[in-house]
Amino acid sequence: MAVVPVGIALGSNLGVRSAELNAGINFLRTLSVGGRLVQSQRIETVPVDCPAGSLPFLNAVAEIDLDEETLPPRWLLDLLQDFELKRGRPRDREVNAPRPLDLDIIYYGDRLVNEPNLVIPHPRAHLRRFVLEPLSHLRPDLVLPGQTKSVRELLD
């Protein structure tokens, strides 16, 4: 078994946002080896690159342990997207449209993945305060694969 830490960003700007994040956290815990999950504080943020009139987001980051052999990145992405759909995210939607729950893979161990519809680490994580701030609560010294600065340094 090759267990690696995996960071997932959670966001919600529709419905009862805290309940949506709770549902996401509970789902992630079911995927984690041994149920291990640590989560950041939740922060409220203004929408970035979203349609006009979008409501504020509630954001957090969770880290879970995954077995690379039984749940590789592509399969994880499929599970996350299926769960988003179950929580009410429309399959066909405008880019960055409001959504009950958004789950993004920020990092998957130290892997670099560049496949159609799957880039790890998340290609804009290092630029987004709504990811970096909650991630800094968990892993301030983490250097995302492909970066040279820690999460704390990127946030500064």
Protein backbone atom coordinates (compact mmCIF):
# COMPACT_ATOMS: atom_id res chain seq x y z
CA MET A 1 0.00 0.00 0.00
CA ALA A 2 1.38 3.40 -1.04
CA VAL A 3 -0.41 5.94 1.16
CA VAL A 4 -0.03 9.62 0.28
CA PRO A 5 -1.52 12.85 1.66
CA VAL A 6 -4.08 14.42 -0.65
CA GLY A 7 -5.35 17.98 -0.31
CA ILE A 8 -8.89 18.82 -1.38
CA ALA A 9 -10.30 22.35 -1.53
CA LEU A 10 -13.98 22.65 -0.65
CA GLY A 11 -16.23 25.56 -1.54
CA SER A 12 -19.92 26.38 -1.45
CA ASN A 13 -21.94 29.43 -2.41
CA LEU A 14 -25.44 27.96 -2.74
CA GLY A 15 -27.78 26.50 -0.15
CA VAL A 16 -26.72 26.06 3.45
CA ARG A 17 -23.02 26.46 2.80
CA SER A 18 -21.78 25.02 6.10
CA ALA A 19 -23.99 21.95 5.65
CA GLU A 20 -22.59 21.46 2.14
CA LEU A 21 -19.03 21.64 3.44
CA ASN A 22 -19.95 19.20 6.22
CA ALA A 23 -21.32 16.78 3.62
CA GLY A 24 -18.11 17.12 1.62
CA ILE A 25 -15.94 16.52 4.69
CA ASN A 26 -17.95 13.44 5.65
CA PHE A 27 -17.65 12.08 2.11
CA LEU A 28 -13.88 12.65 2.02
CA ARG A 29 -13.50 10.86 5.35
CA THR A 30 -15.10 7.75 3.80
CA LEU A 31 -12.41 7.75 1.09
CA SER A 32 -9.46 8.20 3.42
CA VAL A 33 -7.31 5.30 4.57
CA GLY A 34 -8.30 4.73 8.19
CA GLY A 35 -10.74 7.65 8.00
CA ARG A 36 -7.91 10.15 8.61
CA LEU A 37 -8.95 13.69 7.77
CA VAL A 38 -7.73 17.05 8.97
CA GLN A 39 -9.56 20.19 7.99
CA SER A 40 -8.82 23.87 8.02
CA GLN A 41 -10.83 26.64 9.47
CA ARG A 42 -13.58 27.86 7.17
CA ILE A 43 -13.32 31.25 5.58
CA GLU A 44 -15.85 33.36 3.71
CA THR A 45 -14.58 34.77 0.43
CA VAL A 46 -15.84 36.89 -2.42
CA PRO A 47 -16.42 34.99 -5.68
CA VAL A 48 -13.44 34.98 -8.08
CA ASP A 49 -14.03 34.78 -11.84
CA CYS A 50 -17.71 33.95 -11.24
CA PRO A 51 -20.79 35.29 -13.03
CA ALA A 52 -22.12 38.65 -11.87
CA GLY A 53 -24.36 38.41 -8.83
CA SER A 54 -22.70 35.27 -7.43
CA LEU A 55 -22.98 34.95 -3.67
CA PRO A 56 -19.95 34.72 -1.32
CA PHE A 57 -18.26 31.36 -0.86
CA LEU A 58 -17.52 29.41 2.27
CA ASN A 59 -14.13 27.73 1.69
CA ALA A 60 -11.99 25.15 3.47
CA VAL A 61 -9.26 22.63 2.74
CA ALA A 62 -9.12 19.04 3.94
CA GLU A 63 -6.25 16.59 3.82
CA ILE A 64 -6.87 12.86 3.64
CA ASP A 65 -4.66 9.81 3.16
CA LEU A 66 -5.21 7.78 0.00
CA ASP A 67 -3.73 4.57 -1.32
CA GLU A 68 -2.33 5.45 -4.76
CA GLU A 69 -2.92 1.91 -5.99
CA THR A 70 -6.59 1.62 -5.05
CA LEU A 71 -7.63 5.23 -5.65
CA PRO A 72 -5.41 6.92 -8.27
CA PRO A 73 -5.99 10.60 -9.16
CA ARG A 74 -8.34 10.02 -12.11
CA TRP A 75 -10.61 7.74 -10.07
CA LEU A 76 -10.58 10.25 -7.22
CA LEU A 77 -11.62 13.02 -9.61
CA ASP A 78 -14.50 10.87 -10.87
CA LEU A 79 -15.71 10.21 -7.32
CA LEU A 80 -15.49 13.89 -6.39
CA GLN A 81 -17.41 14.97 -9.48
CA ASP A 82 -20.09 12.33 -8.90
CA PHE A 83 -20.52 13.56 -5.33
CA GLU A 84 -20.80 17.18 -6.51
CA LEU A 85 -23.60 16.11 -8.85
CA LYS A 86 -25.39 14.30 -6.01
CA ARG A 87 -25.20 17.53 -3.98
CA GLY A 88 -26.97 19.42 -6.76
CA ARG A 89 -24.22 20.78 -8.99
CA PRO A 90 -25.60 20.88 -12.55
CA ARG A 91 -23.74 18.73 -15.08
CA ASP A 92 -24.07 21.44 -17.74
CA ARG A 93 -23.27 24.83 -16.31
CA GLU A 94 -21.59 28.14 -16.99
CA VAL A 95 -17.91 28.25 -16.03
CA ASN A 96 -17.55 29.04 -12.30
CA ALA A 97 -21.32 29.19 -11.89
CA PRO A 98 -22.69 29.18 -8.32
CA ARG A 99 -22.77 25.69 -6.81
CA PRO A 100 -23.76 23.92 -3.63
CA LEU A 101 -20.41 22.12 -3.41
CA ASP A 102 -17.12 22.31 -5.24
CA LEU A 103 -14.36 19.77 -4.54
CA ASP A 104 -10.96 20.33 -6.16
CA ILE A 105 -7.81 18.22 -5.85
CA ILE A 106 -5.07 20.62 -4.76
CA TYR A 107 -2.27 18.07 -4.40
CA TYR A 108 -1.89 14.32 -4.50
CA GLY A 109 1.29 13.50 -2.62
CA ASP A 110 4.15 14.91 -4.69
CA ARG A 111 2.66 13.84 -8.02
CA LEU A 112 2.53 15.99 -11.11
CA VAL A 113 -0.41 15.06 -13.35
CA ASN A 114 -1.23 16.72 -16.66
CA GLU A 115 -4.07 14.90 -18.39
CA PRO A 116 -7.20 16.09 -20.16
CA ASN A 117 -9.47 17.62 -17.47
CA LEU A 118 -7.03 16.72 -14.67
CA VAL A 119 -4.04 18.80 -13.64
CA ILE A 120 -2.36 18.20 -10.26
CA PRO A 121 -1.38 20.21 -8.39
CA HIS A 122 -4.35 22.40 -9.16
CA PRO A 123 -3.06 24.83 -11.79
CA ARG A 124 -4.28 27.96 -10.00
CA ALA A 125 -3.98 26.92 -6.35
CA HIS A 126 -0.81 28.96 -5.86
CA LEU A 127 -2.65 32.09 -7.05
CA ARG A 128 -5.86 31.77 -5.07
CA ARG A 129 -6.10 33.22 -1.60
CA PHE A 130 -9.32 31.21 -0.99
CA VAL A 131 -7.19 28.04 -1.31
CA LEU A 132 -3.91 29.25 0.20
CA GLU A 133 -5.39 30.77 3.36
CA PRO A 134 -7.21 27.64 4.55
CA LEU A 135 -4.31 25.45 3.37
CA SER A 136 -1.95 27.58 5.46
CA HIS A 137 -3.92 26.52 8.55
CA LEU A 138 -3.02 22.89 7.81
CA ARG A 139 0.29 22.88 5.95
CA PRO A 140 1.98 26.31 6.01
CA ASP A 141 5.37 24.83 5.10
CA LEU A 142 4.08 22.68 2.24
CA VAL A 143 5.71 23.37 -1.12
CA LEU A 144 3.25 22.32 -3.80
CA PRO A 145 4.80 20.18 -6.54
CA GLY A 146 6.23 22.45 -9.24
CA GLN A 147 6.47 25.45 -6.89
CA THR A 148 9.52 26.84 -5.10
CA LYS A 149 7.75 28.71 -2.30
CA SER A 150 5.84 27.32 0.66
CA VAL A 151 2.12 27.93 1.11
CA ARG A 152 2.97 30.55 3.75
CA GLU A 153 5.34 32.34 1.37
CA LEU A 154 2.80 32.25 -1.48
CA LEU A 155 0.17 33.71 0.85
CA ASP A 156 2.47 36.57 1.86
